[in-house]
PDB file of all heavy atoms in Angstrom:
ATOM      1  N   LEU A   1      -7.206  47.974  74.660  1.00  0.00           N
ATOM      2  CA  LEU A   1      -7.293  49.416  74.446  1.00  0.00           C
ATOM      3  C   LEU A   1      -6.708  49.808  73.092  1.00  0.00           C
ATOM      4  O   LEU A   1      -7.253  50.667  72.391  1.00  0.00           O
ATOM      5  CB  LEU A   1      -6.549  50.163  75.557  1.00  0.00           C
ATOM      6  CG  LEU A   1      -7.343  50.676  76.748  1.00  0.00           C
ATOM      7  CD1 LEU A   1      -6.431  51.418  77.717  1.00  0.00           C
ATOM      8  CD2 LEU A   1      -8.488  51.573  76.315  1.00  0.00           C
ATOM      9  N   GLY A   2      -5.597  49.194  72.744  1.00  0.00           N
ATOM     10  CA  GLY A   2      -4.975  49.497  71.457  1.00  0.00           C
ATOM     11  C   GLY A   2      -5.870  49.121  70.290  1.00  0.00           C
ATOM     12  O   GLY A   2      -6.010  49.887  69.329  1.00  0.00           O
ATOM     13  N   ASP A   3      -6.481  47.948  70.357  1.00  0.00           N
ATOM     14  CA  ASP A   3      -7.403  47.520  69.297  1.00  0.00           C
ATOM     15  C   ASP A   3      -8.595  48.470  69.216  1.00  0.00           C
ATOM     16  O   ASP A   3      -9.028  48.866  68.123  1.00  0.00           O
ATOM     17  CB  ASP A   3      -7.901  46.100  69.564  1.00  0.00           C
ATOM     18  CG  ASP A   3      -6.806  45.056  69.427  1.00  0.00           C
ATOM     19  OD1 ASP A   3      -5.761  45.367  68.807  1.00  0.00           O
ATOM     20  OD2 ASP A   3      -6.996  43.936  69.941  1.00  0.00           O
ATOM     21  N   TRP A   4      -9.128  48.816  70.373  1.00  0.00           N
ATOM     22  CA  TRP A   4     -10.281  49.726  70.423  1.00  0.00           C
ATOM     23  C   TRP A   4      -9.912  51.095  69.843  1.00  0.00           C
ATOM     24  O   TRP A   4     -10.693  51.681  69.079  1.00  0.00           O
ATOM     25  CB  TRP A   4     -10.751  49.857  71.869  1.00  0.00           C
ATOM     26  CG  TRP A   4     -11.764  50.936  72.095  1.00  0.00           C
ATOM     27  CD1 TRP A   4     -13.114  50.852  71.893  1.00  0.00           C
ATOM     28  CD2 TRP A   4     -11.509  52.267  72.551  1.00  0.00           C
ATOM     29  NE1 TRP A   4     -13.710  52.055  72.196  1.00  0.00           N
ATOM     30  CE2 TRP A   4     -12.743  52.929  72.608  1.00  0.00           C
ATOM     31  CE3 TRP A   4     -10.353  52.946  72.928  1.00  0.00           C
ATOM     32  CZ2 TRP A   4     -12.857  54.253  73.029  1.00  0.00           C
ATOM     33  CZ3 TRP A   4     -10.461  54.274  73.345  1.00  0.00           C
ATOM     34  CH2 TRP A   4     -11.708  54.901  73.388  1.00  0.00           C
ATOM     35  N   GLN A   5      -8.725  51.596  70.184  1.00  0.00           N
ATOM     36  CA  GLN A   5      -8.299  52.900  69.681  1.00  0.00           C
ATOM     37  C   GLN A   5      -8.215  52.887  68.156  1.00  0.00           C
ATOM     38  O   GLN A   5      -8.608  53.852  67.488  1.00  0.00           O
ATOM     39  CB  GLN A   5      -6.948  53.273  70.276  1.00  0.00           C
ATOM     40  CG  GLN A   5      -6.499  54.683  69.949  1.00  0.00           C
ATOM     41  CD  GLN A   5      -7.346  55.729  70.646  1.00  0.00           C
ATOM     42  OE1 GLN A   5      -7.444  55.735  71.865  1.00  0.00           O
ATOM     43  NE2 GLN A   5      -7.981  56.601  69.875  1.00  0.00           N
ATOM     44  N   LYS A   6      -7.699  51.805  67.590  1.00  0.00           N
ATOM     45  CA  LYS A   6      -7.639  51.695  66.136  1.00  0.00           C
ATOM     46  C   LYS A   6      -9.043  51.714  65.531  1.00  0.00           C
ATOM     47  O   LYS A   6      -9.274  52.334  64.494  1.00  0.00           O
ATOM     48  CB  LYS A   6      -6.909  50.410  65.739  1.00  0.00           C
ATOM     49  CG  LYS A   6      -5.426  50.391  66.063  1.00  0.00           C
ATOM     50  CD  LYS A   6      -4.812  49.058  65.670  1.00  0.00           C
ATOM     51  CE  LYS A   6      -3.333  48.993  66.030  1.00  0.00           C
ATOM     52  NZ  LYS A   6      -2.741  47.670  65.673  1.00  0.00           N
ATOM     53  N   MET A   7      -9.972  51.024  66.190  1.00  0.00           N
ATOM     54  CA  MET A   7     -11.334  50.937  65.666  1.00  0.00           C
ATOM     55  C   MET A   7     -12.021  52.299  65.670  1.00  0.00           C
ATOM     56  O   MET A   7     -12.613  52.709  64.661  1.00  0.00           O
ATOM     57  CB  MET A   7     -12.154  49.946  66.493  1.00  0.00           C
ATOM     58  CG  MET A   7     -13.602  49.821  66.032  1.00  0.00           C
ATOM     59  SD  MET A   7     -14.652  48.939  67.214  1.00  0.00           S
ATOM     60  CE  MET A   7     -14.777  50.136  68.547  1.00  0.00           C
ATOM     61  N   VAL A   8     -11.970  53.026  66.806  1.00  0.00           N
ATOM     62  CA  VAL A   8     -12.684  54.298  66.887  1.00  0.00           C
ATOM     63  C   VAL A   8     -12.057  55.331  65.956  1.00  0.00           C
ATOM     64  O   VAL A   8     -12.766  56.195  65.408  1.00  0.00           O
ATOM     65  CB  VAL A   8     -12.747  54.828  68.343  1.00  0.00           C
ATOM     66  CG1 VAL A   8     -13.556  53.874  69.212  1.00  0.00           C
ATOM     67  CG2 VAL A   8     -11.368  55.065  68.927  1.00  0.00           C
ATOM     68  N   ALA A   9     -10.735  55.251  65.743  1.00  0.00           N
ATOM     69  CA  ALA A   9     -10.079  56.189  64.832  1.00  0.00           C
ATOM     70  C   ALA A   9     -10.409  55.863  63.376  1.00  0.00           C
ATOM     71  O   ALA A   9     -10.649  56.761  62.566  1.00  0.00           O
ATOM     72  CB  ALA A   9      -8.568  56.178  65.050  1.00  0.00           C
ATOM     73  N   ALA A  10     -10.445  54.577  63.047  1.00  0.00           N
ATOM     74  CA  ALA A  10     -10.747  54.179  61.668  1.00  0.00           C
ATOM     75  C   ALA A  10     -12.175  54.542  61.281  1.00  0.00           C
ATOM     76  O   ALA A  10     -12.469  54.777  60.109  1.00  0.00           O
ATOM     77  CB  ALA A  10     -10.527  52.680  61.501  1.00  0.00           C
ATOM     78  N   SER A  11     -13.085  54.608  62.260  1.00  0.00           N
ATOM     79  CA  SER A  11     -14.496  54.873  61.972  1.00  0.00           C
ATOM     80  C   SER A  11     -14.916  56.298  62.302  1.00  0.00           C
ATOM     81  O   SER A  11     -16.104  56.618  62.248  1.00  0.00           O
ATOM     82  CB  SER A  11     -15.377  53.896  62.765  1.00  0.00           C
ATOM     83  OG  SER A  11     -15.124  54.012  64.166  1.00  0.00           O
ATOM     84  N   SER A  12     -13.968  57.174  62.634  1.00  0.00           N
ATOM     85  CA  SER A  12     -14.319  58.526  63.059  1.00  0.00           C
ATOM     86  C   SER A  12     -15.017  59.304  61.946  1.00  0.00           C
ATOM     87  O   SER A  12     -14.627  59.251  60.773  1.00  0.00           O
ATOM     88  CB  SER A  12     -13.068  59.287  63.499  1.00  0.00           C
ATOM     89  OG  SER A  12     -13.416  60.605  63.903  1.00  0.00           O
ATOM     90  N   LEU A  13     -16.038  60.059  62.333  1.00  0.00           N
ATOM     91  CA  LEU A  13     -16.743  60.937  61.405  1.00  0.00           C
ATOM     92  C   LEU A  13     -15.997  62.245  61.190  1.00  0.00           C
ATOM     93  O   LEU A  13     -16.336  63.006  60.278  1.00  0.00           O
ATOM     94  CB  LEU A  13     -18.147  61.234  61.938  1.00  0.00           C
ATOM     95  CG  LEU A  13     -19.061  60.025  62.141  1.00  0.00           C
ATOM     96  CD1 LEU A  13     -20.398  60.461  62.731  1.00  0.00           C
ATOM     97  CD2 LEU A  13     -19.275  59.287  60.832  1.00  0.00           C
ATOM     98  N   ASP A  14     -14.999  62.519  62.026  1.00  0.00           N
ATOM     99  CA  ASP A  14     -14.219  63.748  61.931  1.00  0.00           C
ATOM    100  C   ASP A  14     -12.950  63.462  61.127  1.00  0.00           C
ATOM    101  O   ASP A  14     -12.105  62.677  61.552  1.00  0.00           O
ATOM    102  CB  ASP A  14     -13.851  64.234  63.334  1.00  0.00           C
ATOM    103  CG  ASP A  14     -13.145  65.580  63.329  1.00  0.00           C
ATOM    104  OD1 ASP A  14     -12.617  65.982  62.275  1.00  0.00           O
ATOM    105  OD2 ASP A  14     -13.119  66.228  64.386  1.00  0.00           O
ATOM    106  N   PRO A  15     -12.786  64.093  59.964  1.00  0.00           N
ATOM    107  CA  PRO A  15     -11.589  63.828  59.144  1.00  0.00           C
ATOM    108  C   PRO A  15     -10.280  64.069  59.877  1.00  0.00           C
ATOM    109  O   PRO A  15      -9.274  63.412  59.591  1.00  0.00           O
ATOM    110  CB  PRO A  15     -11.755  64.791  57.968  1.00  0.00           C
ATOM    111  CG  PRO A  15     -13.221  65.077  57.902  1.00  0.00           C
ATOM    112  CD  PRO A  15     -13.698  65.046  59.326  1.00  0.00           C
ATOM    113  N   GLU A  16     -10.280  64.998  60.831  1.00  0.00           N
ATOM    114  CA  GLU A  16      -9.053  65.299  61.556  1.00  0.00           C
ATOM    115  C   GLU A  16      -8.703  64.206  62.563  1.00  0.00           C
ATOM    116  O   GLU A  16      -7.543  64.097  62.980  1.00  0.00           O
ATOM    117  CB  GLU A  16      -9.178  66.647  62.267  1.00  0.00           C
ATOM    118  CG  GLU A  16      -9.304  67.833  61.312  1.00  0.00           C
ATOM    119  CD  GLU A  16      -9.308  69.156  62.041  1.00  0.00           C
ATOM    120  OE1 GLU A  16      -9.153  69.141  63.285  1.00  0.00           O
ATOM    121  OE2 GLU A  16      -9.463  70.199  61.387  1.00  0.00           O
ATOM    122  N   LEU A  17      -9.673  63.423  62.968  1.00  0.00           N
ATOM    123  CA  LEU A  17      -9.436  62.342  63.920  1.00  0.00           C
ATOM    124  C   LEU A  17      -9.348  60.985  63.235  1.00  0.00           C
ATOM    125  O   LEU A  17      -8.858  60.022  63.830  1.00  0.00           O
ATOM    126  CB  LEU A  17     -10.558  62.295  64.968  1.00  0.00           C
ATOM    127  CG  LEU A  17     -10.743  63.542  65.836  1.00  0.00           C
ATOM    128  CD1 LEU A  17     -11.951  63.359  66.747  1.00  0.00           C
ATOM    129  CD2 LEU A  17      -9.503  63.821  66.661  1.00  0.00           C
ATOM    130  N   ARG A  18      -9.825  60.921  61.987  1.00  0.00           N
ATOM    131  CA  ARG A  18      -9.902  59.641  61.294  1.00  0.00           C
ATOM    132  C   ARG A  18      -8.519  59.137  60.905  1.00  0.00           C
ATOM    133  O   ARG A  18      -7.673  59.883  60.428  1.00  0.00           O
ATOM    134  CB  ARG A  18     -10.779  59.771  60.058  1.00  0.00           C
ATOM    135  CG  ARG A  18     -11.062  58.438  59.348  1.00  0.00           C
ATOM    136  CD  ARG A  18     -11.889  58.674  58.102  1.00  0.00           C
ATOM    137  NE  ARG A  18     -13.076  59.447  58.399  1.00  0.00           N
ATOM    138  CZ  ARG A  18     -13.495  60.472  57.660  1.00  0.00           C
ATOM    139  NH1 ARG A  18     -12.811  60.832  56.577  1.00  0.00           N
ATOM    140  NH2 ARG A  18     -14.589  61.132  57.992  1.00  0.00           N
ATOM    141  N   SER A  19      -8.312  57.845  61.124  1.00  0.00           N
ATOM    142  CA  SER A  19      -7.064  57.199  60.747  1.00  0.00           C
ATOM    143  C   SER A  19      -7.252  56.470  59.431  1.00  0.00           C
ATOM    144  O   SER A  19      -8.276  55.822  59.207  1.00  0.00           O
ATOM    145  CB  SER A  19      -6.634  56.210  61.833  1.00  0.00           C
ATOM    146  OG  SER A  19      -5.571  55.406  61.385  1.00  0.00           O
ATOM    147  N   ASP A  20      -6.255  56.576  58.560  1.00  0.00           N
ATOM    148  CA  ASP A  20      -6.300  55.863  57.283  1.00  0.00           C
ATOM    149  C   ASP A  20      -5.672  54.480  57.391  1.00  0.00           C
ATOM    150  O   ASP A  20      -5.640  53.726  56.416  1.00  0.00           O
ATOM    151  CB  ASP A  20      -5.552  56.669  56.209  1.00  0.00           C
ATOM    152  CG  ASP A  20      -6.253  57.995  55.903  1.00  0.00           C
ATOM    153  OD1 ASP A  20      -7.485  58.033  56.007  1.00  0.00           O
ATOM    154  OD2 ASP A  20      -5.547  58.976  55.575  1.00  0.00           O
ATOM    155  N   GLU A  21      -5.191  54.148  58.591  1.00  0.00           N
ATOM    156  CA  GLU A  21      -4.559  52.848  58.801  1.00  0.00           C
ATOM    157  C   GLU A  21      -5.595  51.732  58.746  1.00  0.00           C
ATOM    158  O   GLU A  21      -6.614  51.774  59.448  1.00  0.00           O
ATOM    159  CB  GLU A  21      -3.859  52.819  60.158  1.00  0.00           C
ATOM    160  CG  GLU A  21      -3.179  51.499  60.479  1.00  0.00           C
ATOM    161  CD  GLU A  21      -2.584  51.496  61.881  1.00  0.00           C
ATOM    162  OE1 GLU A  21      -2.655  52.536  62.567  1.00  0.00           O
ATOM    163  OE2 GLU A  21      -2.070  50.438  62.299  1.00  0.00           O
ATOM    164  N   GLU A  22      -5.367  50.740  57.900  1.00  0.00           N
ATOM    165  CA  GLU A  22      -6.292  49.616  57.814  1.00  0.00           C
ATOM    166  C   GLU A  22      -6.089  48.671  58.993  1.00  0.00           C
ATOM    167  O   GLU A  22      -4.962  48.447  59.447  1.00  0.00           O
ATOM    168  CB  GLU A  22      -6.074  48.852  56.503  1.00  0.00           C
ATOM    169  CG  GLU A  22      -6.467  49.629  55.264  1.00  0.00           C
ATOM    170  CD  GLU A  22      -6.414  48.767  54.014  1.00  0.00           C
ATOM    171  OE1 GLU A  22      -6.245  47.541  54.159  1.00  0.00           O
ATOM    172  OE2 GLU A  22      -6.554  49.325  52.912  1.00  0.00           O
ATOM    173  N   LEU A  23      -7.184  48.135  59.496  1.00  0.00           N
ATOM    174  CA  LEU A  23      -7.111  47.196  60.609  1.00  0.00           C
ATOM    175  C   LEU A  23      -6.560  45.871  60.103  1.00  0.00           C
ATOM    176  O   LEU A  23      -7.088  45.294  59.154  1.00  0.00           O
ATOM    177  CB  LEU A  23      -8.491  47.001  61.230  1.00  0.00           C
ATOM    178  CG  LEU A  23      -9.149  48.266  61.812  1.00  0.00           C
ATOM    179  CD1 LEU A  23     -10.517  47.932  62.388  1.00  0.00           C
ATOM    180  CD2 LEU A  23      -8.272  48.907  62.865  1.00  0.00           C
ATOM    181  N   ASP A  24      -5.516  45.389  60.753  1.00  0.00           N
ATOM    182  CA  ASP A  24      -4.909  44.138  60.327  1.00  0.00           C
ATOM    183  C   ASP A  24      -5.797  42.962  60.725  1.00  0.00           C
ATOM    184  O   ASP A  24      -6.664  43.096  61.599  1.00  0.00           O
ATOM    185  CB  ASP A  24      -3.519  43.979  60.936  1.00  0.00           C
ATOM    186  CG  ASP A  24      -3.548  43.996  62.460  1.00  0.00           C
ATOM    187  OD1 ASP A  24      -3.873  42.958  63.054  1.00  0.00           O
ATOM    188  OD2 ASP A  24      -3.279  45.066  63.039  1.00  0.00           O
ATOM    189  N   PRO A  25      -5.618  41.789  60.096  1.00  0.00           N
ATOM    190  CA  PRO A  25      -6.482  40.630  60.369  1.00  0.00           C
ATOM    191  C   PRO A  25      -6.543  40.241  61.852  1.00  0.00           C
ATOM    192  O   PRO A  25      -7.613  39.882  62.351  1.00  0.00           O
ATOM    193  CB  PRO A  25      -5.854  39.519  59.525  1.00  0.00           C
ATOM    194  CG  PRO A  25      -5.184  40.244  58.392  1.00  0.00           C
ATOM    195  CD  PRO A  25      -4.663  41.512  58.998  1.00  0.00           C
TER     196      PRO A  25
END
């Protein structure tokens, strides 16, 4: 769930929901 949450936030089309955190290796 944590990995998935990072993915959907990193790819969000909504700037308010988008995360700037880079996905670690």
